[in-house]
Amino acid sequence: MAEEVELKLALAEGHQSRFLRHPLLKQAVERHIDTLDNIYYDTTDLSLRRRGIALRLRRKGRDWLQTVKLAGNSAAGLSSRPEWEVPYTGHFDFSCVEQSAVREWLQRPKLLARIVPICETRFRRITWKFSAARGAVLLTLDRGWIIANGRREAISELELELAGAPVHAIFGLATQLAQRVSLTPSVLSKAERGYRLHTGAPSVPFKAETVALSAAMSPYEAFRRIALSCLEHLQQNHRGALSSDDPEYIHQMRVATRRLRAALRLFGPVLPEHLAESLRTPLSALMKQLGRARDLDVLLTEIANPVLCALPNEPRLPALASDITNRRYAARAQAIAMLAAPDYGRILLTALESLHAIHLTGPAMIALLSFASERLHRLRKKLRRLTAAADIDDPAALHALRIGVKRLRYALEFFSPLARQHAFDRVLKQLAALQDTLGQLNDLTSAGAMLMDCAGDDPRLREAVTLIGGWHGPRYASLLAGTSHELIRLKRLRLPKLAANDK
């Protein structure tokens, strides 16, 4: 069995020529070119995929090679997984699969009879071999097509694979390449993209997922998993943000960066300062730009448009809405430009390298359960102070409370695998509802200044701002009334107990 460790990077199609002129490629000790045809197989109900198994035939010249891969570990483009390869002689041969349960399942006659082609990939591959400490790194450029059910998508990606070298050798090479071309960690394999074409599944915004934690982990290892999950969350929405008008993709990217910032704050006591800064500082500009785009989305869709629909004959509203729309498009264009620029890829590569380069051991490590319990109780104590200081007539105090609620909610979501799920669900539901209410209040409060900025010195537009404020007045009052009730419940909030698990 081979253990495949690779970093997959999406290469902007417009940067292929620039990449091929990169001076680093001249340092390769070997270079060769292949044309590869691949066929991926599964049953019609995708049984192999559900079990995390990929079955592929690859043709190189006149020879065919059979490959079986298992899911393994993958995070934000860097993956390691077991694979088995044997020559294909006209029928599938799974005797090489060393994991007996997988081998026996694949060898069942009824399953073999149901295996059919699912998708194909056809691409030209250029491979460069670079010498590295204790081994080498293989760099490949793949250009071609993924084909399934009469549909096709372009392939333009790089893969950096370890050949005996340490993991940092991959990042060292990738960082040098990213200085000249736009490279971003790719979270979807060719097979996964082929499956999506096969099923015709529409692209939808990707939301944060629960990270598998266990009490046996160190706090740092728990942080590393959470941070990698945040980067995965970010990258799963990157392609949609660039190609779709759906604002939810940018919103989810913003959520991913906020969750990563919350994790940095939560795990701060156990993180080296240079690690925290290597993650926090590069993301600050990205967070600001995504936030600007999201704020204008909310201003138009949730503040201005409802009034425009309710008062269709009011002549002062369309001009103001038009100005907001123009600003929204400009902010979105700026966000997309940032996401498409080489700097964005370099930020993610730096973050990935930092998370994989640090290993903490020794007496400084403490039990995850103790750490989690202490951090949650600290956040709960601070939230109590914010609740006591909250005044429904003081927007600044309610904003501070919203931040406190959000931080405790994120911490509970991160640590939810360490307790009974129903206990966490109850508390999270309460915090999510209050955060939503406080968020709407904050949006309405912030909208006034943003609308006045859009109106400028135009008296008619300023009158439109007054109309919008008056129309939302009853809603604002209703939200405040609900907040008063929720503050009473918040004072009685109890944290769920943490317990060891066997995950």
Protein backbone atom coordinates (compact mmCIF):
# COMPACT_ATOMS: atom_id res chain seq x y z
CA MET A 1 0.00 0.00 0.00
CA ALA A 2 1.20 3.52 -0.80
CA GLU A 3 0.31 6.56 1.30
CA GLU A 4 -0.39 9.42 -1.06
CA VAL A 5 0.33 12.85 0.48
CA GLU A 6 -0.43 15.72 -1.86
CA LEU A 7 -1.44 19.35 -2.03
CA LYS A 8 -3.94 20.13 -4.78
CA LEU A 9 -4.07 23.69 -6.08
CA ALA A 10 -6.46 25.30 -8.54
CA LEU A 11 -4.60 27.29 -11.19
CA ALA A 12 -6.44 30.18 -12.83
CA GLU A 13 -6.76 29.26 -16.51
CA GLY A 14 -5.51 32.69 -17.53
CA HIS A 15 -2.30 32.06 -15.56
CA GLN A 16 -1.25 28.81 -17.25
CA SER A 17 1.22 30.47 -19.61
CA ARG A 18 2.65 32.55 -16.79
CA PHE A 19 3.10 29.41 -14.69
CA LEU A 20 4.95 27.62 -17.52
CA ARG A 21 7.39 30.54 -17.67
CA HIS A 22 8.10 30.40 -13.94
CA PRO A 23 11.90 30.30 -13.43
CA LEU A 24 11.54 27.76 -10.63
CA LEU A 25 10.63 25.07 -13.15
CA LYS A 26 14.17 25.23 -14.54
CA GLN A 27 15.43 23.81 -11.23
CA ALA A 28 13.61 20.50 -11.74
CA VAL A 29 15.87 17.46 -12.03
CA GLU A 30 13.39 15.63 -14.26
CA ARG A 31 10.49 16.56 -16.56
CA HIS A 32 8.14 14.46 -18.62
CA ILE A 33 4.77 14.75 -20.35
CA ASP A 34 1.88 12.27 -20.45
CA THR A 35 -1.60 12.23 -21.90
CA LEU A 36 -3.90 10.53 -19.42
CA ASP A 37 -7.36 9.02 -19.88
CA ASN A 38 -9.15 8.05 -16.67
CA ILE A 39 -12.46 6.29 -16.12
CA TYR A 40 -14.08 6.32 -12.66
CA TYR A 41 -16.40 3.49 -11.72
CA ASP A 42 -19.19 2.98 -9.21
CA THR A 43 -22.61 1.39 -8.97
CA THR A 44 -25.64 3.26 -10.25
CA ASP A 45 -26.61 4.08 -6.65
CA LEU A 46 -23.00 5.20 -5.90
CA SER A 47 -22.29 2.55 -3.26
CA LEU A 48 -18.51 3.00 -3.49
CA ARG A 49 -18.73 6.73 -2.99
CA ARG A 50 -20.86 6.33 0.13
CA ARG A 51 -18.11 4.13 1.59
CA GLY A 52 -15.37 6.58 0.71
CA ILE A 53 -13.89 4.36 -2.02
CA ALA A 54 -12.68 5.58 -5.40
CA LEU A 55 -12.13 3.09 -8.23
CA ARG A 56 -10.28 4.29 -11.30
CA LEU A 57 -8.77 2.93 -14.50
CA ARG A 58 -6.01 5.02 -16.04
CA ARG A 59 -4.52 4.62 -19.50
CA LYS A 60 -0.93 5.66 -20.15
CA GLY A 61 0.04 4.86 -23.70
CA ARG A 62 -1.22 1.31 -24.36
CA ASP A 63 -1.33 0.20 -20.72
CA TRP A 64 -4.17 0.42 -18.23
CA LEU A 65 -3.69 0.75 -14.47
CA GLN A 66 -6.31 0.05 -11.81
CA THR A 67 -6.29 2.25 -8.69
CA VAL A 68 -8.33 1.95 -5.49
CA LYS A 69 -8.26 4.91 -3.09
CA LEU A 70 -9.86 5.38 0.32
CA ALA A 71 -11.08 8.65 1.78
CA GLY A 72 -8.15 9.17 4.17
CA ASN A 73 -7.58 12.62 5.63
CA SER A 74 -8.18 15.83 3.73
CA ALA A 75 -8.21 19.44 4.86
CA ALA A 76 -8.27 22.60 2.74
CA GLY A 77 -6.46 21.02 -0.21
CA LEU A 78 -3.84 18.94 1.63
CA SER A 79 -4.68 15.25 1.68
CA SER A 80 -3.21 11.91 2.67
CA ARG A 81 -4.92 8.64 1.83
CA PRO A 82 -4.12 5.01 1.19
CA GLU A 83 -4.15 3.72 -2.36
CA TRP A 84 -3.43 0.46 -4.18
CA GLU A 85 -2.42 0.15 -7.83
CA VAL A 86 -2.15 -2.92 -10.07
CA PRO A 87 -2.06 -3.44 -13.86
CA TYR A 88 -5.54 -3.86 -15.33
CA THR A 89 -5.85 -7.05 -17.37
CA GLY A 90 -9.48 -6.91 -18.49
CA HIS A 91 -11.21 -7.40 -15.14
CA PHE A 92 -11.11 -5.73 -11.72
CA ASP A 93 -8.66 -7.30 -9.28
CA PHE A 94 -9.00 -6.25 -5.64
CA SER A 95 -6.61 -8.79 -4.14
CA CYS A 96 -4.02 -6.01 -3.67
CA VAL A 97 -6.24 -4.09 -1.22
CA GLU A 98 -4.64 -4.71 2.15
CA GLN A 99 -7.63 -3.69 4.28
CA SER A 100 -9.54 -6.94 4.48
CA ALA A 101 -12.98 -5.44 5.13
CA VAL A 102 -12.69 -3.20 2.07
CA ARG A 103 -11.24 -6.01 -0.08
CA GLU A 104 -13.97 -8.49 0.84
CA TRP A 105 -16.71 -5.93 0.24
CA LEU A 106 -15.34 -5.06 -3.21
CA GLN A 107 -14.97 -8.73 -4.20
CA ARG A 108 -18.63 -9.59 -3.71
CA PRO A 109 -19.99 -10.94 -7.02
CA LYS A 110 -23.25 -9.01 -6.75
CA LEU A 111 -21.35 -5.76 -6.36
CA LEU A 112 -18.95 -6.51 -9.22
CA ALA A 113 -21.89 -7.09 -11.53
CA ARG A 114 -23.26 -3.61 -10.78
CA ILE A 115 -20.09 -1.55 -11.32
CA VAL A 116 -20.40 0.86 -14.28
CA PRO A 117 -18.51 3.92 -15.59
CA ILE A 118 -19.52 7.16 -13.88
CA CYS A 119 -17.28 9.83 -15.40
CA GLU A 120 -14.08 10.34 -17.39
CA THR A 121 -11.17 12.73 -17.26
CA ARG A 122 -8.88 13.50 -20.17
CA PHE A 123 -5.91 15.74 -19.63
CA ARG A 124 -2.32 16.45 -20.53
CA ARG A 125 0.02 16.16 -17.55
CA ILE A 126 3.45 17.72 -17.24
CA THR A 127 5.46 16.41 -14.29
CA TRP A 128 8.52 18.04 -12.76
CA LYS A 129 10.64 16.34 -10.10
CA PHE A 130 12.42 18.50 -7.52
CA SER A 131 15.05 17.31 -5.10
CA ALA A 132 14.20 17.87 -1.43
CA ALA A 133 15.48 16.78 1.95
CA ARG A 134 15.37 12.97 2.28
CA GLY A 135 13.52 12.62 -1.01
CA ALA A 136 11.75 14.64 -3.66
CA VAL A 137 8.59 16.54 -4.51
CA LEU A 138 6.63 15.82 -7.69
CA LEU A 139 4.89 18.80 -9.27
CA THR A 140 2.26 18.16 -11.93
CA LEU A 141 0.27 20.50 -14.14
CA ASP A 142 -2.99 18.99 -15.43
CA ARG A 143 -4.95 20.64 -18.26
CA GLY A 144 -7.96 19.06 -19.89
CA TRP A 145 -11.58 18.08 -19.22
CA ILE A 146 -13.89 16.21 -16.86
CA ILE A 147 -16.78 14.58 -18.74
CA ALA A 148 -19.99 13.00 -17.43
CA ASN A 149 -23.54 12.68 -18.80
CA GLY A 150 -22.80 14.93 -21.75
CA ARG A 151 -21.47 17.68 -19.51
CA ARG A 152 -17.89 18.80 -19.10
CA GLU A 153 -15.73 21.06 -16.95
CA ALA A 154 -12.23 22.34 -17.54
CA ILE A 155 -9.27 20.99 -15.56
CA SER A 156 -6.56 23.50 -14.64
CA GLU A 157 -4.75 22.43 -11.51
CA LEU A 158 -1.44 21.67 -9.90
CA GLU A 159 -0.62 18.81 -7.57
CA LEU A 160 2.43 18.67 -5.34
CA GLU A 161 3.07 15.15 -4.08
CA LEU A 162 5.63 13.96 -1.56
CA ALA A 163 8.14 11.38 -2.72
CA GLY A 164 9.94 10.76 0.57
CA ALA A 165 10.33 14.45 1.46
CA PRO A 166 8.83 16.10 4.59
CA VAL A 167 5.55 18.00 4.36
CA HIS A 168 7.17 21.43 4.60
CA ALA A 169 8.88 20.76 1.24
CA ILE A 170 5.47 20.90 -0.45
CA PHE A 171 4.64 24.29 1.05
CA GLY A 172 8.07 25.71 0.29
CA LEU A 173 7.62 24.92 -3.39
CA ALA A 174 3.98 26.02 -3.50
CA THR A 175 4.76 29.38 -1.87
CA GLN A 176 7.44 30.15 -4.45
CA LEU A 177 5.07 29.30 -7.30
CA ALA A 178 2.29 31.43 -5.80
CA GLN A 179 4.48 34.53 -5.97
CA ARG A 180 3.72 34.84 -9.69
CA VAL A 181 0.47 33.00 -10.37
CA SER A 182 -2.95 32.69 -8.79
CA LEU A 183 -3.03 29.40 -6.87
CA THR A 184 -5.65 28.42 -4.32
CA PRO A 185 -6.00 25.16 -2.38
CA SER A 186 -8.51 22.96 -4.18
CA VAL A 187 -10.91 21.05 -1.94
CA LEU A 188 -12.56 19.00 -4.70
CA SER A 189 -10.79 16.12 -6.42
CA LYS A 190 -11.32 15.38 -10.11
CA ALA A 191 -13.40 12.38 -9.08
CA GLU A 192 -15.63 14.48 -6.84
CA ARG A 193 -16.14 17.02 -9.60
CA GLY A 194 -16.94 14.15 -11.97
CA TYR A 195 -19.53 12.77 -9.57
CA ARG A 196 -21.18 16.18 -9.36
CA LEU A 197 -21.39 16.35 -13.14
CA HIS A 198 -22.77 12.81 -13.22
CA THR A 199 -25.54 13.53 -10.73
CA GLY A 200 -26.22 17.04 -12.02
CA ALA A 201 -26.21 18.28 -8.43
CA PRO A 202 -26.39 22.08 -8.37
CA SER A 203 -23.70 24.03 -6.59
CA VAL A 204 -24.93 25.39 -3.25
CA PRO A 205 -23.21 27.47 -0.58
CA PHE A 206 -21.29 25.34 1.92
CA LYS A 207 -21.95 25.83 5.63
CA ALA A 208 -19.71 25.07 8.59
CA GLU A 209 -19.60 21.45 9.74
CA THR A 210 -19.02 19.97 13.18
CA VAL A 211 -15.37 19.07 13.73
CA ALA A 212 -14.69 15.62 15.19
CA LEU A 213 -12.93 16.12 18.55
CA SER A 214 -12.14 13.69 21.33
CA ALA A 215 -11.12 14.15 24.95
CA ALA A 216 -7.82 12.39 24.20
CA MET A 217 -6.67 15.26 22.01
CA SER A 218 -4.49 18.11 23.19
CA PRO A 219 -6.02 21.60 23.01
CA TYR A 220 -3.60 22.46 20.22
CA GLU A 221 -4.59 19.46 18.11
CA ALA A 222 -8.24 20.40 18.65
CA PHE A 223 -7.47 23.94 17.49
CA ARG A 224 -5.61 22.67 14.46
CA ARG A 225 -8.58 20.56 13.37
CA ILE A 226 -10.98 23.44 13.91
CA ALA A 227 -8.76 25.90 12.03
CA LEU A 228 -8.37 23.51 9.10
CA SER A 229 -12.14 23.06 9.04
CA CYS A 230 -12.54 26.85 8.87
CA LEU A 231 -10.17 26.99 5.90
CA GLU A 232 -12.11 24.15 4.28
CA HIS A 233 -15.33 26.10 4.87
CA LEU A 234 -13.72 29.14 3.24
CA GLN A 235 -12.49 27.26 0.17
CA GLN A 236 -15.67 25.25 -0.38
CA ASN A 237 -17.36 28.60 -1.14
CA HIS A 238 -14.53 30.21 -3.11
CA ARG A 239 -15.51 28.94 -6.54
CA GLY A 240 -19.16 29.86 -6.04
CA ALA A 241 -18.23 33.36 -4.86
CA LEU A 242 -16.26 33.92 -8.07
CA SER A 243 -18.81 32.45 -10.49
CA SER A 244 -22.24 32.95 -8.91
CA ASP A 245 -24.37 36.00 -8.14
CA ASP A 246 -25.69 34.30 -5.01
CA PRO A 247 -24.49 36.53 -2.12
CA GLU A 248 -24.61 33.57 0.28
CA TYR A 249 -21.23 32.33 -0.98
CA ILE A 250 -19.50 35.53 0.14
CA HIS A 251 -21.51 35.46 3.36
CA GLN A 252 -20.33 31.92 4.12
CA MET A 253 -16.74 32.93 3.39
CA ARG A 254 -17.18 35.74 5.88
CA VAL A 255 -18.59 33.31 8.44
CA ALA A 256 -15.58 31.04 7.91
CA THR A 257 -13.12 33.85 8.62
CA ARG A 258 -15.10 34.92 11.69
CA ARG A 259 -15.12 31.36 13.01
CA LEU A 260 -11.36 31.14 12.52
CA ARG A 261 -10.87 34.41 14.38
CA ALA A 262 -13.11 33.10 17.18
CA ALA A 263 -11.02 29.91 17.37
CA LEU A 264 -7.82 31.95 17.60
CA ARG A 265 -9.25 33.91 20.50
CA LEU A 266 -10.67 30.81 22.21
CA PHE A 267 -7.44 28.79 22.01
CA GLY A 268 -5.15 31.78 22.47
CA PRO A 269 -3.62 30.61 25.80
CA VAL A 270 -2.17 27.46 24.20
CA LEU A 271 -1.05 28.91 20.87
CA PRO A 272 2.41 30.29 20.09
CA GLU A 273 2.11 34.02 19.44
CA HIS A 274 3.75 33.76 16.01
CA LEU A 275 1.19 31.12 14.96
CA ALA A 276 -1.76 33.28 15.98
CA GLU A 277 -0.33 36.29 14.14
CA SER A 278 0.48 34.25 11.02
CA LEU A 279 -3.23 33.42 10.77
CA ARG A 280 -4.88 36.55 12.12
CA THR A 281 -2.97 39.32 10.36
CA PRO A 282 -3.25 38.13 6.71
CA LEU A 283 -6.98 37.48 7.08
CA SER A 284 -7.84 40.94 8.44
CA ALA A 285 -8.00 42.66 5.03
CA LEU A 286 -10.03 39.78 3.60
CA MET A 287 -12.50 39.95 6.49
CA LYS A 288 -12.92 43.69 5.99
CA GLN A 289 -13.66 43.37 2.28
CA LEU A 290 -16.07 40.45 2.70
CA GLY A 291 -17.78 42.34 5.52
CA ARG A 292 -18.26 45.41 3.34
CA ALA A 293 -19.88 43.33 0.60
CA ARG A 294 -22.13 41.55 3.10
CA ASP A 295 -23.21 44.78 4.83
CA LEU A 296 -24.37 46.26 1.52
CA ASP A 297 -26.19 43.03 0.65
CA VAL A 298 -28.13 43.34 3.92
CA LEU A 299 -28.72 47.07 3.43
CA LEU A 300 -30.33 46.48 0.04
CA THR A 301 -32.19 43.19 0.52
CA GLU A 302 -33.33 43.51 4.14
CA ILE A 303 -33.53 47.26 4.74
CA ALA A 304 -34.27 49.12 1.49
CA ASN A 305 -36.07 46.57 -0.72
CA PRO A 306 -38.88 45.68 1.72
CA VAL A 307 -39.83 49.39 1.91
CA LEU A 308 -39.54 49.74 -1.87
CA CYS A 309 -41.96 46.83 -2.31
CA ALA A 310 -44.35 48.15 0.35
CA LEU A 311 -44.38 51.68 -1.12
CA PRO A 312 -44.11 51.11 -4.90
CA ASN A 313 -45.46 54.57 -5.77
CA GLU A 314 -43.05 56.49 -3.57
CA PRO A 315 -40.76 58.30 -6.09
CA ARG A 316 -37.92 59.05 -3.65
CA LEU A 317 -37.07 55.42 -2.87
CA PRO A 318 -35.86 54.05 -6.26
CA ALA A 319 -33.04 56.60 -6.55
CA LEU A 320 -31.72 55.70 -3.10
CA ALA A 321 -32.03 51.97 -3.84
CA SER A 322 -30.14 52.53 -7.11
CA ASP A 323 -27.24 54.16 -5.27
CA ILE A 324 -27.13 51.29 -2.76
CA THR A 325 -27.17 48.80 -5.65
CA ASN A 326 -24.25 50.52 -7.35
CA ARG A 327 -22.24 50.48 -4.13
CA ARG A 328 -23.16 46.85 -3.59
CA TYR A 329 -21.92 45.87 -7.06
CA ALA A 330 -18.70 47.82 -6.51
CA ALA A 331 -18.09 46.15 -3.13
CA ARG A 332 -18.78 42.74 -4.62
CA ALA A 333 -16.41 43.42 -7.53
CA GLN A 334 -13.70 44.44 -5.07
CA ALA A 335 -14.27 41.29 -3.02
CA ILE A 336 -14.10 39.08 -6.10
CA ALA A 337 -10.92 40.83 -7.27
CA MET A 338 -9.35 40.09 -3.89
CA LEU A 339 -10.46 36.44 -4.02
CA ALA A 340 -9.03 36.05 -7.54
CA ALA A 341 -5.70 37.72 -6.80
CA PRO A 342 -2.49 35.75 -6.06
CA ASP A 343 -2.37 37.28 -2.57
CA TYR A 344 -5.46 35.31 -1.57
CA GLY A 345 -3.85 31.98 -2.44
CA ARG A 346 -0.66 32.96 -0.64
CA ILE A 347 -2.65 33.76 2.51
CA LEU A 348 -4.18 30.29 2.54
CA LEU A 349 -0.90 28.55 1.78
CA THR A 350 0.77 30.41 4.65
CA ALA A 351 -2.05 29.41 6.98
CA LEU A 352 -1.90 25.76 5.92
CA GLU A 353 1.87 25.63 6.35
CA SER A 354 1.66 27.19 9.81
CA LEU A 355 -0.95 24.68 10.94
CA HIS A 356 1.05 21.70 9.70
CA ALA A 357 4.47 22.89 10.85
CA ILE A 358 3.84 23.24 14.61
CA HIS A 359 3.71 20.29 16.97
CA LEU A 360 3.36 20.95 20.71
CA THR A 361 4.47 18.31 23.17
CA GLY A 362 5.65 18.08 26.76
CA PRO A 363 4.33 19.23 30.15
CA ALA A 364 2.81 22.46 28.79
CA MET A 365 -0.06 20.47 27.31
CA ILE A 366 -3.26 20.17 29.35
CA ALA A 367 -6.31 17.96 29.01
CA LEU A 368 -8.80 19.15 26.39
CA LEU A 369 -11.80 18.67 28.71
CA SER A 370 -10.25 20.86 31.41
CA PHE A 371 -9.25 23.48 28.88
CA ALA A 372 -12.67 23.53 27.20
CA SER A 373 -14.52 23.72 30.50
CA GLU A 374 -12.38 26.62 31.72
CA ARG A 375 -12.75 28.57 28.49
CA LEU A 376 -16.54 28.04 28.32
CA HIS A 377 -17.02 29.15 31.92
CA ARG A 378 -14.88 32.22 31.28
CA LEU A 379 -17.04 33.16 28.30
CA ARG A 380 -20.22 32.50 30.29
CA LYS A 381 -18.97 34.73 33.12
CA LYS A 382 -18.23 37.54 30.68
CA LEU A 383 -21.63 37.09 29.06
CA ARG A 384 -23.29 37.49 32.46
CA ARG A 385 -21.55 40.83 32.91
CA LEU A 386 -22.62 41.95 29.45
CA THR A 387 -26.19 40.83 30.15
CA ALA A 388 -26.28 42.77 33.40
CA ALA A 389 -24.98 45.87 31.61
CA ALA A 390 -27.32 45.53 28.63
CA ASP A 391 -29.88 48.28 28.15
CA ILE A 392 -32.41 48.01 25.35
CA ASP A 393 -32.11 51.76 24.86
CA ASP A 394 -28.32 51.54 24.42
CA PRO A 395 -27.35 50.15 20.98
CA ALA A 396 -23.66 49.99 21.94
CA ALA A 397 -24.42 47.78 24.94
CA LEU A 398 -26.61 45.50 22.82
CA HIS A 399 -23.85 45.29 20.21
CA ALA A 400 -21.35 44.25 22.89
CA LEU A 401 -23.84 41.66 24.13
CA ARG A 402 -24.25 40.30 20.59
CA ILE A 403 -20.50 39.78 20.33
CA GLY A 404 -20.47 37.99 23.70
CA VAL A 405 -23.33 35.72 22.62
CA LYS A 406 -21.59 34.97 19.31
CA ARG A 407 -18.30 34.05 20.98
CA LEU A 408 -19.96 31.69 23.43
CA ARG A 409 -22.02 30.16 20.64
CA TYR A 410 -18.97 29.50 18.46
CA ALA A 411 -17.10 28.01 21.42
CA LEU A 412 -20.02 25.70 22.17
CA GLU A 413 -20.20 24.65 18.52
CA PHE A 414 -16.48 23.88 18.51
CA PHE A 415 -16.68 21.80 21.70
CA SER A 416 -20.07 20.17 20.99
CA PRO A 417 -18.52 16.72 20.27
CA LEU A 418 -17.39 16.64 23.93
CA ALA A 419 -20.89 16.49 25.41
CA ARG A 420 -24.32 14.98 24.91
CA GLN A 421 -25.69 16.45 21.72
CA HIS A 422 -29.18 17.25 23.00
CA ALA A 423 -27.77 19.36 25.84
CA PHE A 424 -25.69 21.45 23.44
CA ASP A 425 -28.52 21.72 20.93
CA ARG A 426 -30.82 23.29 23.51
CA VAL A 427 -28.31 25.96 24.53
CA LEU A 428 -27.18 26.61 20.96
CA LYS A 429 -30.76 27.08 19.81
CA GLN A 430 -31.31 29.72 22.49
CA LEU A 431 -28.07 31.55 21.71
CA ALA A 432 -28.67 31.41 17.95
CA ALA A 433 -32.13 32.95 18.34
CA LEU A 434 -30.81 35.76 20.53
CA GLN A 435 -27.84 36.37 18.23
CA ASP A 436 -30.23 36.63 15.27
CA THR A 437 -32.43 39.14 17.10
CA LEU A 438 -29.47 41.23 18.22
CA GLY A 439 -28.04 40.99 14.71
CA GLN A 440 -31.22 42.39 13.19
CA LEU A 441 -31.21 45.23 15.73
CA ASN A 442 -27.58 45.98 14.90
CA ASP A 443 -28.36 45.95 11.15
CA LEU A 444 -31.18 48.44 11.66
CA THR A 445 -29.02 50.63 13.89
CA SER A 446 -26.10 50.59 11.44
CA ALA A 447 -28.38 51.15 8.45
CA GLY A 448 -29.03 54.78 9.37
CA ALA A 449 -25.43 55.90 8.93
CA MET A 450 -24.98 53.81 5.78
CA LEU A 451 -28.17 55.18 4.23
CA MET A 452 -27.22 58.76 5.04
CA ASP A 453 -23.85 58.17 3.41
CA CYS A 454 -25.64 56.98 0.28
CA ALA A 455 -28.02 59.95 0.36
CA GLY A 456 -25.25 62.50 0.66
CA ASP A 457 -26.53 66.10 0.50
CA ASP A 458 -29.53 65.29 -1.72
CA PRO A 459 -32.64 66.39 0.26
CA ARG A 460 -34.95 63.98 -1.56
CA LEU A 461 -32.69 61.02 -0.78
CA ARG A 462 -32.47 62.13 2.83
CA GLU A 463 -36.26 62.12 2.93
CA ALA A 464 -36.17 58.58 1.56
CA VAL A 465 -33.88 57.61 4.44
CA THR A 466 -36.44 59.03 6.88
CA LEU A 467 -39.18 57.01 5.17
CA ILE A 468 -37.17 53.80 5.49
CA GLY A 469 -36.46 54.47 9.15
CA GLY A 470 -40.11 55.13 9.90
CA TRP A 471 -41.25 52.02 8.04
CA HIS A 472 -38.90 49.80 10.05
CA GLY A 473 -39.84 51.48 13.35
CA PRO A 474 -42.50 48.93 14.41
CA ARG A 475 -40.16 46.05 13.57
CA TYR A 476 -37.40 47.63 15.63
CA ALA A 477 -39.74 48.06 18.59
CA SER A 478 -40.88 44.43 18.30
CA LEU A 479 -37.28 43.21 18.27
CA LEU A 480 -36.49 45.26 21.36
CA ALA A 481 -39.47 43.79 23.18
CA GLY A 482 -38.33 40.28 22.32
CA THR A 483 -34.82 41.12 23.49
CA SER A 484 -36.08 42.13 26.92
CA HIS A 485 -37.63 38.69 27.33
CA GLU A 486 -34.52 36.90 26.05
CA LEU A 487 -32.27 38.79 28.48
CA ILE A 488 -34.21 37.29 31.37
CA ARG A 489 -33.71 33.80 29.94
CA LEU A 490 -30.05 34.51 29.28
CA LYS A 491 -29.39 35.21 32.95
CA ARG A 492 -30.53 31.65 33.72
CA LEU A 493 -28.43 30.04 30.97
CA ARG A 494 -26.56 26.93 32.10
CA LEU A 495 -23.66 25.37 30.27
CA PRO A 496 -23.92 21.69 29.32
CA LYS A 497 -21.46 19.38 31.05
CA LEU A 498 -18.50 18.06 29.11
CA ALA A 499 -17.55 14.39 29.24
CA ALA A 500 -14.94 12.09 27.71
CA ASN A 501 -15.93 10.30 24.51
CA ASP A 502 -14.47 7.54 22.39
CA LYS A 503 -14.33 9.28 19.02
